[in-house]
Structures are given as structure tokens and as C-alpha cells.
Amino acid sequence: MKRLAMAALAMAGCMTLQAQAAGDSPFTDFADQPRTIESFTGDGKWLVVMIWAHDCHVCNVEAEGYAHFHETHKDTDARMLGISMDGQAKKAEAEAFIERHDLPFPNLIGDPGATMRHFMQTTGTSFRGTPTILLYDPDGTLTAAQAGAVPPESIEKFIARGSGTASASG
């Protein structure tokens, strides 16, 4: 009986991986349309992804800085994408977070478990909490992942180094 249960779990995991490999995404936009992170990458700009939750204290503190980063860089070299891991059950709270912080960048939403699995499959590491930052280069390759707050100035320095335009302070 124990073997059967383990085989069923393994099969379910394989089906999940196959579904995601087939292009299914654990995320939707706030109009409930399926979206992928990859649909925001590879356009010649860096993409900074902030995985957040409406009740994450650090996310609430850092949101304004990421909004400013997006506004400063969106027309030149980088832009932001938010991913709420509040899930459909807390969609209203996630929408209130976006409104409260006047986030000028696109945001997606995913259920907590699916968001964590996607992170683990993408990075090969365990999800540690919110906020988490993912950084994709202009070609769409994931180049960095960091749990916790990452100051926008640090992201700017990383991008400058990656673009070969390091500043005198970087």
C-alpha cells in the first residue's frame, strides 16, 4: 500500500513537470488570463521579478523602491514584474496591495504551492520566503535569485556589471 501511494505521488509530480514543460504556467494576470514569466523576458531589457505576498512586512516596505526602480528604468534597460503568491483565495488582498503601493508594473498571481514549485524548478533551490527577487538578463536567461529584500541600488549595480557599463561606484 505504501509503495502504491509513493508511486501515485511520483506520477503526479511527473505529470506536473510535463504540464509545465508543455507551456502551462502556475500564474495568471489579474484578469485571470494564463501568463508566464518568459512572456516578459528576452526583449533586450533586464527583468527583475519580485515574488511577494500581501501580508509580507518586508514586501510592503520595499514595494515603493521597486516601483521607483521600474519607473526609472522601464524605458531604457530594465523593468519589474511582480508575482503575488497569495493565490486566488486572497486575490482581493493582493489587488489591494497593488493599489496601496500604486505599483506601475505588471503583476501576476499564483497559488503558494505552485509558485514555490515553479521557483524550485526554475532555480534548483528551495524557496525561502517573500520577498524573493529573480533577475533575468536581456536575453531572458535567469542570472540571479535572492531571498529577502534587495535594494534597487544593488540591482542597478548588478545590471551595470552585467551590461559592461559598471559605474565608478560599482
N, C-alpha and C. Protein backbone atom coordinates (compact mmCIF):
# COMPACT_ATOMS: atom_id res chain seq x y z
N MET A 1 0.83 -1.19 0.00
CA MET A 1 0.00 0.00 0.00
C MET A 1 0.87 1.26 0.00
N LYS A 2 1.94 1.20 0.80
CA LYS A 2 2.84 2.34 0.90
C LYS A 2 3.51 2.61 -0.46
N ARG A 3 3.90 1.53 -1.15
CA ARG A 3 4.53 1.68 -2.47
C ARG A 3 3.57 2.29 -3.47
N LEU A 4 2.31 1.88 -3.41
CA LEU A 4 1.31 2.41 -4.33
C LEU A 4 1.13 3.92 -4.11
N ALA A 5 1.08 4.34 -2.87
CA ALA A 5 0.93 5.77 -2.56
C ALA A 5 2.14 6.55 -3.07
N MET A 6 3.34 6.00 -2.86
CA MET A 6 4.55 6.68 -3.33
C MET A 6 4.58 6.74 -4.85
N ALA A 7 4.15 5.68 -5.51
CA ALA A 7 4.11 5.67 -6.98
C ALA A 7 3.12 6.71 -7.49
N ALA A 8 1.97 6.82 -6.81
CA ALA A 8 0.98 7.82 -7.21
C ALA A 8 1.53 9.23 -7.06
N LEU A 9 2.25 9.49 -5.95
CA LEU A 9 2.87 10.80 -5.76
C LEU A 9 3.91 11.08 -6.83
N ALA A 10 4.73 10.09 -7.13
CA ALA A 10 5.75 10.27 -8.17
C ALA A 10 5.11 10.55 -9.51
N MET A 11 4.03 9.82 -9.83
CA MET A 11 3.34 10.04 -11.10
C MET A 11 2.73 11.44 -11.15
N ALA A 12 2.14 11.88 -10.05
CA ALA A 12 1.55 13.23 -10.02
C ALA A 12 2.63 14.28 -10.23
N GLY A 13 3.80 14.07 -9.61
CA GLY A 13 4.91 15.01 -9.80
C GLY A 13 5.37 15.04 -11.24
N CYS A 14 5.45 13.88 -11.87
CA CYS A 14 5.86 13.82 -13.28
C CYS A 14 4.85 14.51 -14.17
N MET A 15 3.55 14.34 -13.87
CA MET A 15 2.53 14.98 -14.68
C MET A 15 2.61 16.50 -14.52
N THR A 16 2.90 16.97 -13.30
CA THR A 16 3.05 18.41 -13.07
C THR A 16 4.21 18.95 -13.89
N LEU A 17 5.35 18.25 -13.86
CA LEU A 17 6.51 18.69 -14.64
C LEU A 17 6.20 18.69 -16.12
N GLN A 18 5.49 17.65 -16.60
CA GLN A 18 5.15 17.58 -18.01
C GLN A 18 4.21 18.70 -18.40
N ALA A 19 3.24 19.00 -17.54
CA ALA A 19 2.30 20.09 -17.84
C ALA A 19 3.03 21.41 -17.93
N GLN A 20 3.97 21.65 -16.98
CA GLN A 20 4.71 22.91 -17.03
C GLN A 20 5.64 22.94 -18.23
N ALA A 21 6.22 21.80 -18.56
CA ALA A 21 7.10 21.75 -19.73
C ALA A 21 6.30 22.00 -21.00
N ALA A 22 5.01 21.65 -20.99
CA ALA A 22 4.18 21.85 -22.17
C ALA A 22 3.72 23.30 -22.29
N GLY A 23 4.14 24.16 -21.39
CA GLY A 23 3.83 25.57 -21.51
C GLY A 23 2.78 26.06 -20.54
N ASP A 24 2.22 25.16 -19.73
CA ASP A 24 1.27 25.60 -18.72
C ASP A 24 2.03 26.42 -17.69
N SER A 25 1.38 27.43 -17.16
CA SER A 25 2.02 28.27 -16.16
C SER A 25 1.20 28.25 -14.89
N PRO A 26 1.86 28.33 -13.75
CA PRO A 26 1.12 28.41 -12.49
C PRO A 26 0.56 29.81 -12.23
N PHE A 27 0.80 30.74 -13.15
CA PHE A 27 0.43 32.13 -12.92
C PHE A 27 -0.66 32.60 -13.88
N THR A 28 -1.45 33.57 -13.40
CA THR A 28 -2.38 34.29 -14.26
C THR A 28 -2.17 35.77 -13.99
N ASP A 29 -2.66 36.58 -14.92
CA ASP A 29 -2.70 38.01 -14.61
C ASP A 29 -3.95 38.24 -13.76
N PHE A 30 -4.22 39.46 -13.40
CA PHE A 30 -5.35 39.72 -12.52
C PHE A 30 -6.68 39.74 -13.26
N ALA A 31 -6.64 39.50 -14.57
CA ALA A 31 -7.85 39.30 -15.36
C ALA A 31 -8.07 37.80 -15.59
N ASP A 32 -7.32 36.97 -14.85
CA ASP A 32 -7.41 35.51 -14.89
C ASP A 32 -6.93 34.88 -16.20
N GLN A 33 -6.08 35.58 -16.94
CA GLN A 33 -5.51 35.02 -18.16
C GLN A 33 -4.16 34.37 -17.84
N PRO A 34 -3.92 33.13 -18.27
CA PRO A 34 -2.64 32.48 -18.01
C PRO A 34 -1.48 33.29 -18.57
N ARG A 35 -0.43 33.43 -17.78
CA ARG A 35 0.76 34.18 -18.20
C ARG A 35 1.99 33.46 -17.69
N THR A 36 3.11 33.65 -18.35
CA THR A 36 4.38 33.09 -17.92
C THR A 36 5.37 34.21 -17.68
N ILE A 37 6.36 33.94 -16.86
CA ILE A 37 7.45 34.90 -16.67
C ILE A 37 8.14 35.11 -18.01
N GLU A 38 8.31 34.02 -18.74
CA GLU A 38 9.03 34.08 -20.02
C GLU A 38 8.38 35.03 -21.03
N SER A 39 7.09 35.27 -20.91
CA SER A 39 6.44 36.20 -21.83
C SER A 39 6.88 37.65 -21.57
N PHE A 40 7.60 37.88 -20.48
CA PHE A 40 8.11 39.21 -20.15
C PHE A 40 9.62 39.33 -20.37
N THR A 41 10.27 38.24 -20.81
CA THR A 41 11.73 38.23 -20.94
C THR A 41 12.15 38.24 -22.41
N GLY A 42 13.46 38.41 -22.61
CA GLY A 42 14.06 38.27 -23.92
C GLY A 42 13.80 39.40 -24.88
N ASP A 43 13.44 40.56 -24.36
CA ASP A 43 13.14 41.70 -25.23
C ASP A 43 14.25 42.74 -25.23
N GLY A 44 15.44 42.34 -24.79
CA GLY A 44 16.58 43.25 -24.78
C GLY A 44 16.70 44.07 -23.50
N LYS A 45 15.80 43.84 -22.54
CA LYS A 45 15.86 44.53 -21.25
C LYS A 45 16.00 43.50 -20.14
N TRP A 46 16.64 43.92 -19.06
CA TRP A 46 16.69 43.10 -17.86
C TRP A 46 15.28 43.04 -17.27
N LEU A 47 14.94 41.91 -16.67
CA LEU A 47 13.66 41.77 -15.99
C LEU A 47 13.93 41.41 -14.53
N VAL A 48 13.41 42.23 -13.63
CA VAL A 48 13.51 41.98 -12.20
C VAL A 48 12.13 41.49 -11.75
N VAL A 49 12.10 40.28 -11.20
CA VAL A 49 10.84 39.69 -10.73
C VAL A 49 10.85 39.71 -9.21
N MET A 50 9.81 40.29 -8.64
CA MET A 50 9.65 40.30 -7.19
C MET A 50 8.50 39.37 -6.84
N ILE A 51 8.79 38.29 -6.14
CA ILE A 51 7.75 37.39 -5.64
C ILE A 51 7.35 37.93 -4.28
N TRP A 52 6.05 38.21 -4.11
CA TRP A 52 5.59 38.88 -2.90
C TRP A 52 4.29 38.26 -2.38
N ALA A 53 3.93 38.67 -1.18
CA ALA A 53 2.64 38.31 -0.57
C ALA A 53 2.08 39.57 0.08
N HIS A 54 0.79 39.71 0.04
CA HIS A 54 0.17 40.94 0.55
C HIS A 54 0.47 41.20 2.02
N ASP A 55 0.66 40.13 2.81
CA ASP A 55 0.87 40.30 4.24
C ASP A 55 2.34 40.20 4.65
N CYS A 56 3.24 40.25 3.68
CA CYS A 56 4.68 40.23 3.95
C CYS A 56 5.12 41.65 4.34
N HIS A 57 5.59 41.80 5.57
CA HIS A 57 6.00 43.13 6.05
C HIS A 57 7.10 43.72 5.16
N VAL A 58 8.12 42.93 4.85
CA VAL A 58 9.24 43.43 4.04
C VAL A 58 8.76 43.80 2.64
N CYS A 59 7.86 43.01 2.07
CA CYS A 59 7.32 43.33 0.74
C CYS A 59 6.64 44.70 0.76
N ASN A 60 5.88 44.95 1.82
CA ASN A 60 5.19 46.23 1.94
C ASN A 60 6.17 47.39 2.09
N VAL A 61 7.26 47.17 2.79
CA VAL A 61 8.28 48.21 2.96
C VAL A 61 9.03 48.46 1.66
N GLU A 62 9.33 47.41 0.90
CA GLU A 62 10.18 47.52 -0.28
C GLU A 62 9.43 47.89 -1.56
N ALA A 63 8.11 47.74 -1.58
CA ALA A 63 7.34 47.94 -2.81
C ALA A 63 7.57 49.31 -3.45
N GLU A 64 7.63 50.35 -2.66
CA GLU A 64 7.82 51.71 -3.20
C GLU A 64 9.15 51.83 -3.94
N GLY A 65 10.21 51.25 -3.39
CA GLY A 65 11.52 51.31 -4.03
C GLY A 65 11.52 50.58 -5.37
N TYR A 66 10.81 49.43 -5.44
CA TYR A 66 10.75 48.69 -6.70
C TYR A 66 9.88 49.42 -7.73
N ALA A 67 8.85 50.11 -7.25
CA ALA A 67 8.03 50.92 -8.16
C ALA A 67 8.88 52.04 -8.76
N HIS A 68 9.68 52.68 -7.92
CA HIS A 68 10.56 53.76 -8.40
C HIS A 68 11.61 53.19 -9.38
N PHE A 69 12.18 52.03 -9.05
CA PHE A 69 13.15 51.38 -9.95
C PHE A 69 12.51 51.16 -11.32
N HIS A 70 11.29 50.62 -11.34
CA HIS A 70 10.61 50.36 -12.61
C HIS A 70 10.41 51.65 -13.41
N GLU A 71 9.92 52.67 -12.75
CA GLU A 71 9.68 53.94 -13.44
C GLU A 71 10.97 54.55 -13.99
N THR A 72 12.06 54.40 -13.26
CA THR A 72 13.36 54.95 -13.67
C THR A 72 13.95 54.19 -14.86
N HIS A 73 13.73 52.88 -14.93
CA HIS A 73 14.43 52.05 -15.91
C HIS A 73 13.58 51.50 -17.05
N LYS A 74 12.26 51.55 -16.95
CA LYS A 74 11.39 50.86 -17.90
C LYS A 74 11.61 51.26 -19.36
N ASP A 75 12.00 52.49 -19.61
CA ASP A 75 12.18 52.95 -20.99
C ASP A 75 13.60 52.76 -21.49
N THR A 76 14.49 52.26 -20.64
CA THR A 76 15.88 52.12 -21.06
C THR A 76 16.38 50.68 -20.96
N ASP A 77 16.65 50.20 -19.74
CA ASP A 77 17.39 48.94 -19.64
C ASP A 77 16.76 47.84 -18.80
N ALA A 78 15.71 48.14 -18.03
CA ALA A 78 15.16 47.12 -17.14
C ALA A 78 13.71 47.44 -16.79
N ARG A 79 13.03 46.42 -16.32
CA ARG A 79 11.67 46.62 -15.83
C ARG A 79 11.35 45.58 -14.78
N MET A 80 10.28 45.81 -14.08
CA MET A 80 9.84 44.95 -12.98
C MET A 80 8.64 44.11 -13.40
N LEU A 81 8.52 42.97 -12.75
CA LEU A 81 7.33 42.13 -12.82
C LEU A 81 7.08 41.62 -11.41
N GLY A 82 5.88 41.77 -10.93
CA GLY A 82 5.53 41.24 -9.62
C GLY A 82 4.79 39.93 -9.74
N ILE A 83 5.03 39.04 -8.79
CA ILE A 83 4.26 37.80 -8.72
C ILE A 83 3.76 37.65 -7.29
N SER A 84 2.45 37.78 -7.14
CA SER A 84 1.83 37.56 -5.84
C SER A 84 1.66 36.07 -5.64
N MET A 85 2.08 35.60 -4.48
CA MET A 85 1.84 34.19 -4.18
C MET A 85 0.69 34.04 -3.19
N ASP A 86 -0.24 35.00 -3.26
CA ASP A 86 -1.42 34.96 -2.41
C ASP A 86 -2.46 33.97 -2.91
N GLY A 87 -2.43 33.65 -4.20
CA GLY A 87 -3.39 32.71 -4.76
C GLY A 87 -4.77 33.33 -4.93
N GLN A 88 -5.61 32.59 -5.62
CA GLN A 88 -6.96 33.07 -5.90
C GLN A 88 -7.77 33.30 -4.62
N ALA A 89 -7.48 32.56 -3.58
CA ALA A 89 -8.21 32.71 -2.31
C ALA A 89 -8.00 34.09 -1.69
N LYS A 90 -6.86 34.71 -1.97
CA LYS A 90 -6.57 36.03 -1.40
C LYS A 90 -6.30 37.06 -2.50
N LYS A 91 -6.97 36.86 -3.62
CA LYS A 91 -6.79 37.77 -4.76
C LYS A 91 -7.18 39.21 -4.40
N ALA A 92 -8.25 39.40 -3.65
CA ALA A 92 -8.67 40.75 -3.28
C ALA A 92 -7.60 41.44 -2.44
N GLU A 93 -6.97 40.70 -1.53
CA GLU A 93 -5.91 41.27 -0.71
C GLU A 93 -4.69 41.63 -1.57
N ALA A 94 -4.40 40.79 -2.57
CA ALA A 94 -3.28 41.07 -3.48
C ALA A 94 -3.58 42.32 -4.31
N GLU A 95 -4.81 42.43 -4.78
CA GLU A 95 -5.19 43.63 -5.55
C GLU A 95 -5.08 44.88 -4.68
N ALA A 96 -5.44 44.78 -3.42
CA ALA A 96 -5.33 45.92 -2.51
C ALA A 96 -3.86 46.31 -2.30
N PHE A 97 -2.96 45.31 -2.24
CA PHE A 97 -1.52 45.58 -2.13
C PHE A 97 -1.05 46.39 -3.34
N ILE A 98 -1.43 45.97 -4.53
CA ILE A 98 -1.04 46.66 -5.77
C ILE A 98 -1.56 48.09 -5.75
N GLU A 99 -2.80 48.26 -5.37
CA GLU A 99 -3.40 49.60 -5.33
C GLU A 99 -2.76 50.47 -4.24
N ARG A 100 -2.57 49.90 -3.05
CA ARG A 100 -2.00 50.64 -1.92
C ARG A 100 -0.61 51.19 -2.26
N HIS A 101 0.18 50.40 -2.97
CA HIS A 101 1.54 50.80 -3.31
C HIS A 101 1.63 51.44 -4.69
N ASP A 102 0.49 51.57 -5.36
CA ASP A 102 0.43 52.19 -6.69
C ASP A 102 1.51 51.59 -7.61
N LEU A 103 1.54 50.25 -7.68
CA LEU A 103 2.57 49.58 -8.47
C LEU A 103 2.36 49.82 -9.96
N PRO A 104 3.35 50.41 -10.62
CA PRO A 104 3.21 50.74 -12.04
C PRO A 104 3.61 49.61 -12.98
N PHE A 105 4.01 48.48 -12.44
CA PHE A 105 4.48 47.37 -13.27
C PHE A 105 3.46 46.23 -13.25
N PRO A 106 3.53 45.35 -14.25
CA PRO A 106 2.59 44.23 -14.29
C PRO A 106 2.80 43.29 -13.11
N ASN A 107 1.71 42.66 -12.70
CA ASN A 107 1.74 41.69 -11.62
C ASN A 107 0.94 40.47 -12.03
N LEU A 108 1.46 39.32 -11.66
CA LEU A 108 0.78 38.05 -11.86
C LEU A 108 0.43 37.49 -10.49
N ILE A 109 -0.38 36.45 -10.46
CA ILE A 109 -0.74 35.81 -9.20
C ILE A 109 -0.70 34.30 -9.37
N GLY A 110 -0.23 33.62 -8.33
CA GLY A 110 -0.20 32.17 -8.33
C GLY A 110 -0.47 31.65 -6.93
N ASP A 111 -0.95 30.44 -6.86
CA ASP A 111 -1.16 29.82 -5.55
C ASP A 111 0.19 29.56 -4.90
N PRO A 112 0.25 29.61 -3.57
CA PRO A 112 1.54 29.47 -2.88
C PRO A 112 2.33 28.22 -3.27
N GLY A 113 1.71 27.06 -3.24
CA GLY A 113 2.42 25.82 -3.55
C GLY A 113 2.95 25.80 -4.97
N ALA A 114 2.12 26.22 -5.92
CA ALA A 114 2.54 26.23 -7.32
C ALA A 114 3.66 27.24 -7.55
N THR A 115 3.59 28.38 -6.88
CA THR A 115 4.64 29.40 -7.02
C THR A 115 5.96 28.88 -6.48
N MET A 116 5.91 28.23 -5.32
CA MET A 116 7.14 27.67 -4.74
C MET A 116 7.71 26.56 -5.63
N ARG A 117 6.86 25.70 -6.16
CA ARG A 117 7.35 24.64 -7.06
C ARG A 117 7.98 25.23 -8.32
N HIS A 118 7.35 26.26 -8.86
CA HIS A 118 7.90 26.91 -10.06
C HIS A 118 9.28 27.50 -9.75
N PHE A 119 9.40 28.15 -8.60
CA PHE A 119 10.69 28.71 -8.20
C PHE A 119 11.75 27.60 -8.09
N MET A 120 11.39 26.51 -7.44
CA MET A 120 12.34 25.42 -7.24
C MET A 120 12.74 24.79 -8.57
N GLN A 121 11.80 24.64 -9.49
CA GLN A 121 12.11 24.07 -10.80
C GLN A 121 12.97 25.03 -11.62
N THR A 122 12.74 26.31 -11.47
CA THR A 122 13.48 27.32 -12.23
C THR A 122 14.89 27.51 -11.71
N THR A 123 15.06 27.51 -10.39
CA THR A 123 16.36 27.83 -9.80
C THR A 123 17.14 26.62 -9.32
N GLY A 124 16.45 25.52 -9.07
CA GLY A 124 17.12 24.34 -8.50
C GLY A 124 17.38 24.49 -7.01
N THR A 125 16.79 25.50 -6.38
CA THR A 125 16.97 25.72 -4.94
C THR A 125 15.61 25.82 -4.26
N SER A 126 15.61 25.67 -2.96
CA SER A 126 14.38 25.76 -2.19
C SER A 126 13.92 27.21 -2.06
N PHE A 127 12.62 27.38 -2.06
CA PHE A 127 12.04 28.70 -1.84
C PHE A 127 12.15 29.03 -0.36
N ARG A 128 12.63 30.24 -0.05
CA ARG A 128 12.88 30.60 1.36
C ARG A 128 11.90 31.61 1.91
N GLY A 129 11.18 32.33 1.06
CA GLY A 129 10.20 33.28 1.58
C GLY A 129 10.09 34.52 0.72
N THR A 130 9.21 35.40 1.16
CA THR A 130 8.99 36.65 0.44
C THR A 130 9.62 37.81 1.20
N PRO A 131 10.06 38.81 0.48
CA PRO A 131 10.15 38.84 -0.98
C PRO A 131 11.30 37.97 -1.47
N THR A 132 11.19 37.55 -2.69
CA THR A 132 12.29 36.89 -3.40
C THR A 132 12.44 37.59 -4.74
N ILE A 133 13.68 37.85 -5.11
CA ILE A 133 13.97 38.55 -6.36
C ILE A 133 14.62 37.58 -7.34
N LEU A 134 14.12 37.58 -8.57
CA LEU A 134 14.73 36.86 -9.69
C LEU A 134 15.19 37.90 -10.69
N LEU A 135 16.34 37.70 -11.29
CA LEU A 135 16.87 38.65 -12.27
C LEU A 135 17.19 37.92 -13.56
N TYR A 136 16.52 38.34 -14.63
CA TYR A 136 16.72 37.77 -15.96
C TYR A 136 17.48 38.77 -16.81
N ASP A 137 18.49 38.28 -17.56
CA ASP A 137 19.26 39.18 -18.42
C ASP A 137 18.46 39.54 -19.67
N PRO A 138 18.96 40.45 -20.50
CA PRO A 138 18.21 40.89 -21.68
C PRO A 138 17.86 39.79 -22.68
N ASP A 139 18.57 38.67 -22.62
CA ASP A 139 18.25 37.54 -23.50
C ASP A 139 17.20 36.62 -22.89
N GLY A 140 16.84 36.85 -21.63
CA GLY A 140 15.84 36.03 -20.97
C GLY A 140 16.39 34.91 -20.13
N THR A 141 17.69 34.94 -19.83
CA THR A 141 18.32 33.91 -19.02
C THR A 141 18.30 34.33 -17.55
N LEU A 142 17.87 33.44 -16.68
CA LEU A 142 17.89 33.72 -15.25
C LEU A 142 19.35 33.82 -14.81
N THR A 143 19.73 34.96 -14.24
CA THR A 143 21.12 35.17 -13.83
C THR A 143 21.31 35.28 -12.33
N ALA A 144 20.23 35.52 -11.57
CA ALA A 144 20.36 35.66 -10.12
C ALA A 144 19.02 35.41 -9.45
N ALA A 145 19.08 34.87 -8.25
CA ALA A 145 17.90 34.67 -7.41
C ALA A 145 18.31 34.95 -5.98
N GLN A 146 17.53 35.75 -5.28
CA GLN A 146 17.89 36.14 -3.91
C GLN A 146 16.64 36.25 -3.06
N ALA A 147 16.62 35.54 -1.94
CA ALA A 147 15.54 35.69 -0.98
C ALA A 147 15.81 36.92 -0.13
N GLY A 148 14.76 37.62 0.22
CA GLY A 148 14.89 38.80 1.05
C GLY A 148 14.93 40.07 0.22
N ALA A 149 14.92 41.17 0.91
CA ALA A 149 14.94 42.47 0.25
C ALA A 149 16.28 42.67 -0.46
N VAL A 150 16.22 43.16 -1.67
CA VAL A 150 17.43 43.52 -2.42
C VAL A 150 17.26 44.99 -2.78
N PRO A 151 18.12 45.86 -2.26
CA PRO A 151 17.99 47.29 -2.57
C PRO A 151 18.08 47.54 -4.08
N PRO A 152 17.22 48.42 -4.59
CA PRO A 152 17.28 48.74 -6.01
C PRO A 152 18.68 49.16 -6.47
N GLU A 153 19.44 49.84 -5.60
CA GLU A 153 20.81 50.26 -5.96
C GLU A 153 21.69 49.04 -6.23
N SER A 154 21.50 47.97 -5.50
CA SER A 154 22.26 46.74 -5.73
C SER A 154 21.88 46.10 -7.06
N ILE A 155 20.60 46.16 -7.39
CA ILE A 155 20.14 45.64 -8.68
C ILE A 155 20.75 46.47 -9.81
N GLU A 156 20.76 47.78 -9.64
CA GLU A 156 21.36 48.66 -10.67
C GLU A 156 22.83 48.35 -10.87
N LYS A 157 23.57 48.12 -9.79
CA LYS A 157 25.00 47.79 -9.91
C LYS A 157 25.19 46.45 -10.60
N PHE A 158 24.35 45.46 -10.26
CA PHE A 158 24.44 44.15 -10.89
C PHE A 158 24.18 44.27 -12.40
N ILE A 159 23.16 45.02 -12.76
CA ILE A 159 22.83 45.22 -14.17
C ILE A 159 23.97 45.94 -14.89
N ALA A 160 24.53 46.96 -14.26
CA ALA A 160 25.64 47.70 -14.87
C ALA A 160 26.83 46.78 -15.12
N ARG A 161 27.15 45.92 -14.16
CA ARG A 161 28.25 44.96 -14.35
C ARG A 161 27.93 43.98 -15.46
N GLY A 162 26.70 43.50 -15.47
CA GLY A 162 26.28 42.52 -16.48
C GLY A 162 26.20 43.11 -17.86
N SER A 163 26.00 44.41 -17.93
CA SER A 163 25.91 45.10 -19.23
C SER A 163 27.27 45.64 -19.67
N GLY A 164 28.27 45.49 -18.82
CA GLY A 164 29.60 46.01 -19.14
C GLY A 164 29.70 47.51 -19.01
N THR A 165 28.78 48.09 -18.20
CA THR A 165 28.78 49.55 -18.02
C THR A 165 28.90 49.90 -16.54
N ALA A 166 29.74 49.19 -15.82
CA ALA A 166 29.87 49.43 -14.38
C ALA A 166 30.21 50.89 -14.09
N SER A 167 29.52 51.42 -13.10
CA SER A 167 29.76 52.81 -12.71
C SER A 167 31.02 52.89 -11.87
N ALA A 168 31.47 54.10 -11.63
CA ALA A 168 32.67 54.32 -10.82
C ALA A 168 32.46 53.78 -9.40
N SER A 169 31.21 53.80 -8.90
CA SER A 169 30.96 53.30 -7.55
C SER A 169 30.70 51.80 -7.55
N GLY A 170 30.47 51.17 -8.73
CA GLY A 170 30.09 49.77 -8.79
C GLY A 170 31.29 48.93 -8.94
